[in-house]
Amino acid sequence: MPPVEKPKKKSKDKRPTRDEAILEEIGERLVEAKEEESEVILTVWGLDEPVQGQIVELDTRLKLVHVQKYGELTKVPFMDIMKVRSPD
């Protein structure tokens, strides 16, 4: 009886690594935007479209950023945020 091959794991794209300084800057910009209640545009790894809205909560326990726009809440993992910018 021939040996049975194990199914191969699907390779997922790995999130790009960023150094501590970049992560710290992203964190500071998120806190500032929440305190000022200003709108932000987040470039998120793995999403084709950016996430835009007002930060309503920074969940440190689950490491999620809650962004709200037009009553719709989007929860974005902090480690997936690649860039934070203000709307033009």
PDB file of N, CA and C in Angstrom:
ATOM      1  N   MET A   1       0.848  -1.181   0.000  1.00  0.00           N
ATOM      2  CA  MET A   1       0.000   0.000   0.000  1.00  0.00           C
ATOM      3  C   MET A   1       0.892   1.242   0.000  1.00  0.00           C
ATOM      4  N   PRO A   2       0.685   2.179  -0.953  1.00  0.00           N
ATOM      5  CA  PRO A   2       1.551   3.368  -1.023  1.00  0.00           C
ATOM      6  C   PRO A   2       1.264   4.321   0.144  1.00  0.00           C
ATOM      7  N   PRO A   3       2.295   5.077   0.562  1.00  0.00           N
ATOM      8  CA  PRO A   3       2.085   6.023   1.670  1.00  0.00           C
ATOM      9  C   PRO A   3       1.116   7.143   1.266  1.00  0.00           C
ATOM     10  N   VAL A   4       0.345   7.576   2.221  1.00  0.00           N
ATOM     11  CA  VAL A   4      -0.634   8.633   1.973  1.00  0.00           C
ATOM     12  C   VAL A   4       0.047   9.975   2.212  1.00  0.00           C
ATOM     13  N   GLU A   5      -0.047  10.867   1.220  1.00  0.00           N
ATOM     14  CA  GLU A   5       0.558  12.191   1.363  1.00  0.00           C
ATOM     15  C   GLU A   5      -0.329  13.086   2.210  1.00  0.00           C
ATOM     16  N   LYS A   6       0.320  13.869   3.061  1.00  0.00           N
ATOM     17  CA  LYS A   6      -0.415  14.836   3.859  1.00  0.00           C
ATOM     18  C   LYS A   6      -0.797  16.003   2.966  1.00  0.00           C
ATOM     19  N   PRO A   7      -1.974  16.570   3.211  1.00  0.00           N
ATOM     20  CA  PRO A   7      -2.342  17.745   2.407  1.00  0.00           C
ATOM     21  C   PRO A   7      -1.381  18.898   2.705  1.00  0.00           C
ATOM     22  N   LYS A   8      -1.022  19.603   1.671  1.00  0.00           N
ATOM     23  CA  LYS A   8      -0.098  20.728   1.843  1.00  0.00           C
ATOM     24  C   LYS A   8      -0.844  21.922   2.409  1.00  0.00           C
ATOM     25  N   LYS A   9      -0.164  22.628   3.303  1.00  0.00           N
ATOM     26  CA  LYS A   9      -0.762  23.821   3.891  1.00  0.00           C
ATOM     27  C   LYS A   9      -0.792  24.934   2.855  1.00  0.00           C
ATOM     28  N   LYS A  10      -1.873  25.679   2.892  1.00  0.00           N
ATOM     29  CA  LYS A  10      -1.961  26.826   1.996  1.00  0.00           C
ATOM     30  C   LYS A  10      -1.084  27.923   2.568  1.00  0.00           C
ATOM     31  N   SER A  11      -0.250  28.480   1.749  1.00  0.00           N
ATOM     32  CA  SER A  11       0.624  29.539   2.249  1.00  0.00           C
ATOM     33  C   SER A  11      -0.123  30.871   2.208  1.00  0.00           C
ATOM     34  N   LYS A  12      -0.152  31.525   3.349  1.00  0.00           N
ATOM     35  CA  LYS A  12      -0.788  32.834   3.426  1.00  0.00           C
ATOM     36  C   LYS A  12       0.302  33.883   3.287  1.00  0.00           C
ATOM     37  N   ASP A  13      -0.052  35.006   2.690  1.00  0.00           N
ATOM     38  CA  ASP A  13       0.902  36.101   2.625  1.00  0.00           C
ATOM     39  C   ASP A  13       1.173  36.566   4.040  1.00  0.00           C
ATOM     40  N   LYS A  14       2.446  36.791   4.326  1.00  0.00           N
ATOM     41  CA  LYS A  14       2.802  37.244   5.662  1.00  0.00           C
ATOM     42  C   LYS A  14       2.754  38.759   5.735  1.00  0.00           C
ATOM     43  N   ARG A  15       2.306  39.241   6.878  1.00  0.00           N
ATOM     44  CA  ARG A  15       2.235  40.678   7.114  1.00  0.00           C
ATOM     45  C   ARG A  15       3.664  41.223   7.125  1.00  0.00           C
ATOM     46  N   PRO A  16       3.881  42.346   6.450  1.00  0.00           N
ATOM     47  CA  PRO A  16       5.222  42.939   6.464  1.00  0.00           C
ATOM     48  C   PRO A  16       5.615  43.326   7.891  1.00  0.00           C
ATOM     49  N   THR A  17       6.881  43.156   8.202  1.00  0.00           N
ATOM     50  CA  THR A  17       7.342  43.524   9.536  1.00  0.00           C
ATOM     51  C   THR A  17       7.729  44.997   9.554  1.00  0.00           C
ATOM     52  N   ARG A  18       7.484  45.614  10.700  1.00  0.00           N
ATOM     53  CA  ARG A  18       7.844  47.018  10.882  1.00  0.00           C
ATOM     54  C   ARG A  18       8.606  47.150  12.178  1.00  0.00           C
ATOM     55  N   ASP A  19       9.518  48.092  12.245  1.00  0.00           N
ATOM     56  CA  ASP A  19      10.288  48.240  13.475  1.00  0.00           C
ATOM     57  C   ASP A  19       9.480  48.968  14.546  1.00  0.00           C
ATOM     58  N   GLU A  20      10.011  48.960  15.758  1.00  0.00           N
ATOM     59  CA  GLU A  20       9.313  49.544  16.905  1.00  0.00           C
ATOM     60  C   GLU A  20       8.976  51.019  16.703  1.00  0.00           C
ATOM     61  N   ALA A  21       9.870  51.774  16.063  1.00  0.00           N
ATOM     62  CA  ALA A  21       9.654  53.210  15.868  1.00  0.00           C
ATOM     63  C   ALA A  21       8.414  53.457  15.010  1.00  0.00           C
ATOM     64  N   ILE A  22       8.233  52.679  13.966  1.00  0.00           N
ATOM     65  CA  ILE A  22       7.074  52.846  13.085  1.00  0.00           C
ATOM     66  C   ILE A  22       5.795  52.469  13.828  1.00  0.00           C
ATOM     67  N   LEU A  23       5.826  51.366  14.571  1.00  0.00           N
ATOM     68  CA  LEU A  23       4.649  50.951  15.332  1.00  0.00           C
ATOM     69  C   LEU A  23       4.290  51.996  16.389  1.00  0.00           C
ATOM     70  N   GLU A  24       5.305  52.567  17.023  1.00  0.00           N
ATOM     71  CA  GLU A  24       5.069  53.593  18.032  1.00  0.00           C
ATOM     72  C   GLU A  24       4.443  54.841  17.405  1.00  0.00           C
ATOM     73  N   GLU A  25       4.943  55.223  16.223  1.00  0.00           N
ATOM     74  CA  GLU A  25       4.388  56.394  15.526  1.00  0.00           C
ATOM     75  C   GLU A  25       2.927  56.158  15.150  1.00  0.00           C
ATOM     76  N   ILE A  26       2.615  54.967  14.652  1.00  0.00           N
ATOM     77  CA  ILE A  26       1.233  54.638  14.303  1.00  0.00           C
ATOM     78  C   ILE A  26       0.357  54.731  15.555  1.00  0.00           C
ATOM     79  N   GLY A  27       0.827  54.177  16.654  1.00  0.00           N
ATOM     80  CA  GLY A  27       0.081  54.220  17.903  1.00  0.00           C
ATOM     81  C   GLY A  27      -0.181  55.639  18.374  1.00  0.00           C
ATOM     82  N   GLU A  28       0.843  56.487  18.292  1.00  0.00           N
ATOM     83  CA  GLU A  28       0.692  57.883  18.711  1.00  0.00           C
ATOM     84  C   GLU A  28      -0.317  58.624  17.840  1.00  0.00           C
ATOM     85  N   ARG A  29      -0.285  58.364  16.545  1.00  0.00           N
ATOM     86  CA  ARG A  29      -1.218  59.038  15.632  1.00  0.00           C
ATOM     87  C   ARG A  29      -2.654  58.584  15.890  1.00  0.00           C
ATOM     88  N   LEU A  30      -2.822  57.306  16.241  1.00  0.00           N
ATOM     89  CA  LEU A  30      -4.160  56.797  16.546  1.00  0.00           C
ATOM     90  C   LEU A  30      -4.703  57.436  17.827  1.00  0.00           C
ATOM     91  N   VAL A  31      -3.865  57.521  18.866  1.00  0.00           N
ATOM     92  CA  VAL A  31      -4.283  58.126  20.136  1.00  0.00           C
ATOM     93  C   VAL A  31      -4.633  59.595  19.923  1.00  0.00           C
ATOM     94  N   GLU A  32      -3.796  60.292  19.161  1.00  0.00           N
ATOM     95  CA  GLU A  32      -4.036  61.710  18.881  1.00  0.00           C
ATOM     96  C   GLU A  32      -5.364  61.906  18.141  1.00  0.00           C
ATOM     97  N   ALA A  33      -5.615  61.065  17.146  1.00  0.00           N
ATOM     98  CA  ALA A  33      -6.861  61.171  16.370  1.00  0.00           C
ATOM     99  C   ALA A  33      -8.076  60.888  17.252  1.00  0.00           C
ATOM    100  N   LYS A  34      -7.950  59.937  18.175  1.00  0.00           N
ATOM    101  CA  LYS A  34      -9.073  59.623  19.067  1.00  0.00           C
ATOM    102  C   LYS A  34      -9.331  60.795  20.007  1.00  0.00           C
ATOM    103  N   GLU A  35      -8.259  61.356  20.595  1.00  0.00           N
ATOM    104  CA  GLU A  35      -8.420  62.466  21.531  1.00  0.00           C
ATOM    105  C   GLU A  35      -9.016  63.700  20.857  1.00  0.00           C
ATOM    106  N   GLU A  36      -8.601  63.955  19.615  1.00  0.00           N
ATOM    107  CA  GLU A  36      -9.084  65.130  18.889  1.00  0.00           C
ATOM    108  C   GLU A  36     -10.413  64.862  18.176  1.00  0.00           C
ATOM    109  N   GLU A  37     -10.872  63.607  18.234  1.00  0.00           N
ATOM    110  CA  GLU A  37     -12.099  63.185  17.550  1.00  0.00           C
ATOM    111  C   GLU A  37     -12.059  63.543  16.065  1.00  0.00           C
ATOM    112  N   SER A  38     -10.888  63.376  15.470  1.00  0.00           N
ATOM    113  CA  SER A  38     -10.738  63.693  14.053  1.00  0.00           C
ATOM    114  C   SER A  38     -10.862  62.425  13.209  1.00  0.00           C
ATOM    115  N   GLU A  39     -11.167  62.610  11.944  1.00  0.00           N
ATOM    116  CA  GLU A  39     -11.319  61.492  11.020  1.00  0.00           C
ATOM    117  C   GLU A  39      -9.952  61.070  10.504  1.00  0.00           C
ATOM    118  N   VAL A  40      -9.773  59.769  10.299  1.00  0.00           N
ATOM    119  CA  VAL A  40      -8.518  59.237   9.781  1.00  0.00           C
ATOM    120  C   VAL A  40      -8.791  58.286   8.626  1.00  0.00           C
ATOM    121  N   ILE A  41      -7.754  58.048   7.851  1.00  0.00           N
ATOM    122  CA  ILE A  41      -7.789  57.036   6.801  1.00  0.00           C
ATOM    123  C   ILE A  41      -6.685  56.038   7.142  1.00  0.00           C
ATOM    124  N   LEU A  42      -7.073  54.776   7.321  1.00  0.00           N
ATOM    125  CA  LEU A  42      -6.115  53.735   7.675  1.00  0.00           C
ATOM    126  C   LEU A  42      -5.854  52.839   6.472  1.00  0.00           C
ATOM    127  N   THR A  43      -4.586  52.680   6.148  1.00  0.00           N
ATOM    128  CA  THR A  43      -4.197  51.692   5.148  1.00  0.00           C
ATOM    129  C   THR A  43      -3.998  50.396   5.915  1.00  0.00           C
ATOM    130  N   VAL A  44      -4.773  49.371   5.565  1.00  0.00           N
ATOM    131  CA  VAL A  44      -4.777  48.126   6.327  1.00  0.00           C
ATOM    132  C   VAL A  44      -4.257  46.990   5.455  1.00  0.00           C
ATOM    133  N   TRP A  45      -3.304  46.245   6.009  1.00  0.00           N
ATOM    134  CA  TRP A  45      -2.728  45.109   5.301  1.00  0.00           C
ATOM    135  C   TRP A  45      -3.815  44.081   5.026  1.00  0.00           C
ATOM    136  N   GLY A  46      -3.867  43.607   3.800  1.00  0.00           N
ATOM    137  CA  GLY A  46      -4.828  42.575   3.431  1.00  0.00           C
ATOM    138  C   GLY A  46      -6.147  43.104   2.907  1.00  0.00           C
ATOM    139  N   LEU A  47      -6.358  44.421   2.995  1.00  0.00           N
ATOM    140  CA  LEU A  47      -7.590  45.013   2.468  1.00  0.00           C
ATOM    141  C   LEU A  47      -7.269  45.845   1.237  1.00  0.00           C
ATOM    142  N   ASP A  48      -8.134  45.762   0.237  1.00  0.00           N
ATOM    143  CA  ASP A  48      -7.929  46.550  -0.976  1.00  0.00           C
ATOM    144  C   ASP A  48      -8.293  48.015  -0.754  1.00  0.00           C
ATOM    145  N   GLU A  49      -9.310  48.237   0.060  1.00  0.00           N
ATOM    146  CA  GLU A  49      -9.805  49.596   0.312  1.00  0.00           C
ATOM    147  C   GLU A  49      -9.324  50.079   1.678  1.00  0.00           C
ATOM    148  N   PRO A  50      -8.967  51.358   1.802  1.00  0.00           N
ATOM    149  CA  PRO A  50      -8.617  51.879   3.128  1.00  0.00           C
ATOM    150  C   PRO A  50      -9.864  51.988   4.008  1.00  0.00           C
ATOM    151  N   VAL A  51      -9.631  52.018   5.310  1.00  0.00           N
ATOM    152  CA  VAL A  51     -10.723  52.183   6.273  1.00  0.00           C
ATOM    153  C   VAL A  51     -10.718  53.642   6.705  1.00  0.00           C
ATOM    154  N   GLN A  52     -11.864  54.306   6.570  1.00  0.00           N
ATOM    155  CA  GLN A  52     -11.951  55.728   6.898  1.00  0.00           C
ATOM    156  C   GLN A  52     -13.046  55.950   7.921  1.00  0.00           C
ATOM    157  N   GLY A  53     -12.771  56.840   8.880  1.00  0.00           N
ATOM    158  CA  GLY A  53     -13.773  57.175   9.871  1.00  0.00           C
ATOM    159  C   GLY A  53     -13.140  57.767  11.111  1.00  0.00           C
ATOM    160  N   GLN A  54     -13.932  57.830  12.175  1.00  0.00           N
ATOM    161  CA  GLN A  54     -13.486  58.383  13.445  1.00  0.00           C
ATOM    162  C   GLN A  54     -13.181  57.228  14.398  1.00  0.00           C
ATOM    163  N   ILE A  55     -12.064  57.321  15.093  1.00  0.00           N
ATOM    164  CA  ILE A  55     -11.701  56.289  16.059  1.00  0.00           C
ATOM    165  C   ILE A  55     -12.546  56.502  17.311  1.00  0.00           C
ATOM    166  N   VAL A  56     -13.320  55.485  17.660  1.00  0.00           N
ATOM    167  CA  VAL A  56     -14.188  55.602  18.831  1.00  0.00           C
ATOM    168  C   VAL A  56     -13.664  54.811  20.019  1.00  0.00           C
ATOM    169  N   GLU A  57     -12.779  53.857  19.760  1.00  0.00           N
ATOM    170  CA  GLU A  57     -12.196  53.087  20.862  1.00  0.00           C
ATOM    171  C   GLU A  57     -10.883  52.465  20.438  1.00  0.00           C
ATOM    172  N   LEU A  58      -9.934  52.440  21.384  1.00  0.00           N
ATOM    173  CA  LEU A  58      -8.672  51.728  21.198  1.00  0.00           C
ATOM    174  C   LEU A  58      -8.681  50.605  22.233  1.00  0.00           C
ATOM    175  N   ASP A  59      -8.966  49.402  21.784  1.00  0.00           N
ATOM    176  CA  ASP A  59      -9.073  48.250  22.676  1.00  0.00           C
ATOM    177  C   ASP A  59      -7.688  47.649  22.872  1.00  0.00           C
ATOM    178  N   THR A  60      -7.048  47.991  23.993  1.00  0.00           N
ATOM    179  CA  THR A  60      -5.680  47.515  24.238  1.00  0.00           C
ATOM    180  C   THR A  60      -5.645  46.036  24.592  1.00  0.00           C
ATOM    181  N   ARG A  61      -6.726  45.540  25.162  1.00  0.00           N
ATOM    182  CA  ARG A  61      -6.744  44.125  25.548  1.00  0.00           C
ATOM    183  C   ARG A  61      -6.754  43.224  24.314  1.00  0.00           C
ATOM    184  N   LEU A  62      -7.606  43.552  23.348  1.00  0.00           N
ATOM    185  CA  LEU A  62      -7.706  42.746  22.125  1.00  0.00           C
ATOM    186  C   LEU A  62      -6.865  43.309  20.983  1.00  0.00           C
ATOM    187  N   LYS A  63      -6.227  44.455  21.222  1.00  0.00           N
ATOM    188  CA  LYS A  63      -5.395  45.127  20.209  1.00  0.00           C
ATOM    189  C   LYS A  63      -6.189  45.420  18.937  1.00  0.00           C
ATOM    190  N   LEU A  64      -7.387  46.012  19.144  1.00  0.00           N
ATOM    191  CA  LEU A  64      -8.247  46.388  18.028  1.00  0.00           C
ATOM    192  C   LEU A  64      -8.509  47.883  18.059  1.00  0.00           C
ATOM    193  N   VAL A  65      -8.594  48.474  16.881  1.00  0.00           N
ATOM    194  CA  VAL A  65      -8.947  49.881  16.741  1.00  0.00           C
ATOM    195  C   VAL A  65     -10.358  49.918  16.170  1.00  0.00           C
ATOM    196  N   HIS A  66     -11.284  50.577  16.893  1.00  0.00           N
ATOM    197  CA  HIS A  66     -12.677  50.654  16.463  1.00  0.00           C
ATOM    198  C   HIS A  66     -12.868  51.965  15.697  1.00  0.00           C
ATOM    199  N   VAL A  67     -13.212  51.859  14.427  1.00  0.00           N
ATOM    200  CA  VAL A  67     -13.406  53.018  13.559  1.00  0.00           C
ATOM    201  C   VAL A  67     -14.873  53.068  13.155  1.00  0.00           C
ATOM    202  N   GLN A  68     -15.476  54.251  13.314  1.00  0.00           N
ATOM    203  CA  GLN A  68     -16.894  54.388  12.997  1.00  0.00           C
ATOM    204  C   GLN A  68     -17.105  55.452  11.931  1.00  0.00           C
ATOM    205  N   LYS A  69     -17.964  55.116  10.962  1.00  0.00           N
ATOM    206  CA  LYS A  69     -18.355  56.075   9.927  1.00  0.00           C
ATOM    207  C   LYS A  69     -19.795  55.777   9.543  1.00  0.00           C
ATOM    208  N   TYR A  70     -20.628  56.810   9.571  1.00  0.00           N
ATOM    209  CA  TYR A  70     -22.047  56.692   9.243  1.00  0.00           C
ATOM    210  C   TYR A  70     -22.722  55.599  10.073  1.00  0.00           C
ATOM    211  N   GLY A  71     -22.356  55.501  11.348  1.00  0.00           N
ATOM    212  CA  GLY A  71     -22.974  54.525  12.235  1.00  0.00           C
ATOM    213  C   GLY A  71     -22.455  53.107  12.070  1.00  0.00           C
ATOM    214  N   GLU A  72     -21.589  52.876  11.108  1.00  0.00           N
ATOM    215  CA  GLU A  72     -21.041  51.537  10.880  1.00  0.00           C
ATOM    216  C   GLU A  72     -19.700  51.412  11.590  1.00  0.00           C
ATOM    217  N   LEU A  73     -19.549  50.371  12.394  1.00  0.00           N
ATOM    218  CA  LEU A  73     -18.332  50.168  13.174  1.00  0.00           C
ATOM    219  C   LEU A  73     -17.451  49.116  12.510  1.00  0.00           C
ATOM    220  N   THR A  74     -16.182  49.450  12.341  1.00  0.00           N
ATOM    221  CA  THR A  74     -15.198  48.523  11.787  1.00  0.00           C
ATOM    222  C   THR A  74     -14.112  48.326  12.826  1.00  0.00           C
ATOM    223  N   LYS A  75     -13.785  47.070  13.120  1.00  0.00           N
ATOM    224  CA  LYS A  75     -12.730  46.768  14.083  1.00  0.00           C
ATOM    225  C   LYS A  75     -11.508  46.300  13.302  1.00  0.00           C
ATOM    226  N   VAL A  76     -10.398  47.041  13.479  1.00  0.00           N
ATOM    227  CA  VAL A  76      -9.183  46.772  12.722  1.00  0.00           C
ATOM    228  C   VAL A  76      -8.085  46.327  13.687  1.00  0.00           C
ATOM    229  N   PRO A  77      -7.456  45.171  13.439  1.00  0.00           N
ATOM    230  CA  PRO A  77      -6.335  44.769  14.291  1.00  0.00           C
ATOM    231  C   PRO A  77      -5.182  45.773  14.166  1.00  0.00           C
ATOM    232  N   PHE A  78      -4.646  46.192  15.300  1.00  0.00           N
ATOM    233  CA  PHE A  78      -3.579  47.189  15.299  1.00  0.00           C
ATOM    234  C   PHE A  78      -2.401  46.759  14.429  1.00  0.00           C
ATOM    235  N   MET A  79      -2.011  45.507  14.515  1.00  0.00           N
ATOM    236  CA  MET A  79      -0.834  45.039  13.777  1.00  0.00           C
ATOM    237  C   MET A  79      -1.050  45.020  12.264  1.00  0.00           C
ATOM    238  N   ASP A  80      -2.303  45.127  11.811  1.00  0.00           N
ATOM    239  CA  ASP A  80      -2.582  45.157  10.366  1.00  0.00           C
ATOM    240  C   ASP A  80      -2.576  46.578   9.802  1.00  0.00           C
ATOM    241  N   ILE A  81      -2.484  47.582  10.683  1.00  0.00           N
ATOM    242  CA  ILE A  81      -2.484  48.973  10.203  1.00  0.00           C
ATOM    243  C   ILE A  81      -1.082  49.312   9.695  1.00  0.00           C
ATOM    244  N   MET A  82      -1.033  49.679   8.419  1.00  0.00           N
ATOM    245  CA  MET A  82       0.252  49.978   7.798  1.00  0.00           C
ATOM    246  C   MET A  82       0.533  51.488   7.793  1.00  0.00           C
ATOM    247  N   LYS A  83      -0.538  52.293   7.747  1.00  0.00           N
ATOM    248  CA  LYS A  83      -0.368  53.734   7.616  1.00  0.00           C
ATOM    249  C   LYS A  83      -1.606  54.449   8.155  1.00  0.00           C
ATOM    250  N   VAL A  84      -1.385  55.595   8.803  1.00  0.00           N
ATOM    251  CA  VAL A  84      -2.470  56.433   9.310  1.00  0.00           C
ATOM    252  C   VAL A  84      -2.309  57.808   8.689  1.00  0.00           C
ATOM    253  N   ARG A  85      -3.375  58.326   8.094  1.00  0.00           N
ATOM    254  CA  ARG A  85      -3.298  59.677   7.532  1.00  0.00           C
ATOM    255  C   ARG A  85      -4.621  60.387   7.693  1.00  0.00           C
ATOM    256  N   SER A  86      -4.571  61.683   7.565  1.00  0.00           N
ATOM    257  CA  SER A  86      -5.779  62.498   7.641  1.00  0.00           C
ATOM    258  C   SER A  86      -6.371  62.628   6.247  1.00  0.00           C
ATOM    259  N   PRO A  87      -7.697  62.770   6.148  1.00  0.00           N
ATOM    260  CA  PRO A  87      -8.308  62.986   4.839  1.00  0.00           C
ATOM    261  C   PRO A  87      -7.835  64.314   4.248  1.00  0.00           C
ATOM    262  N   ASP A  88      -7.691  64.359   2.953  1.00  0.00           N
ATOM    263  CA  ASP A  88      -7.212  65.589   2.289  1.00  0.00           C
ATOM    264  C   ASP A  88      -8.236  66.683   2.319  1.00  0.00           C
TER     265      ASP A  88
END
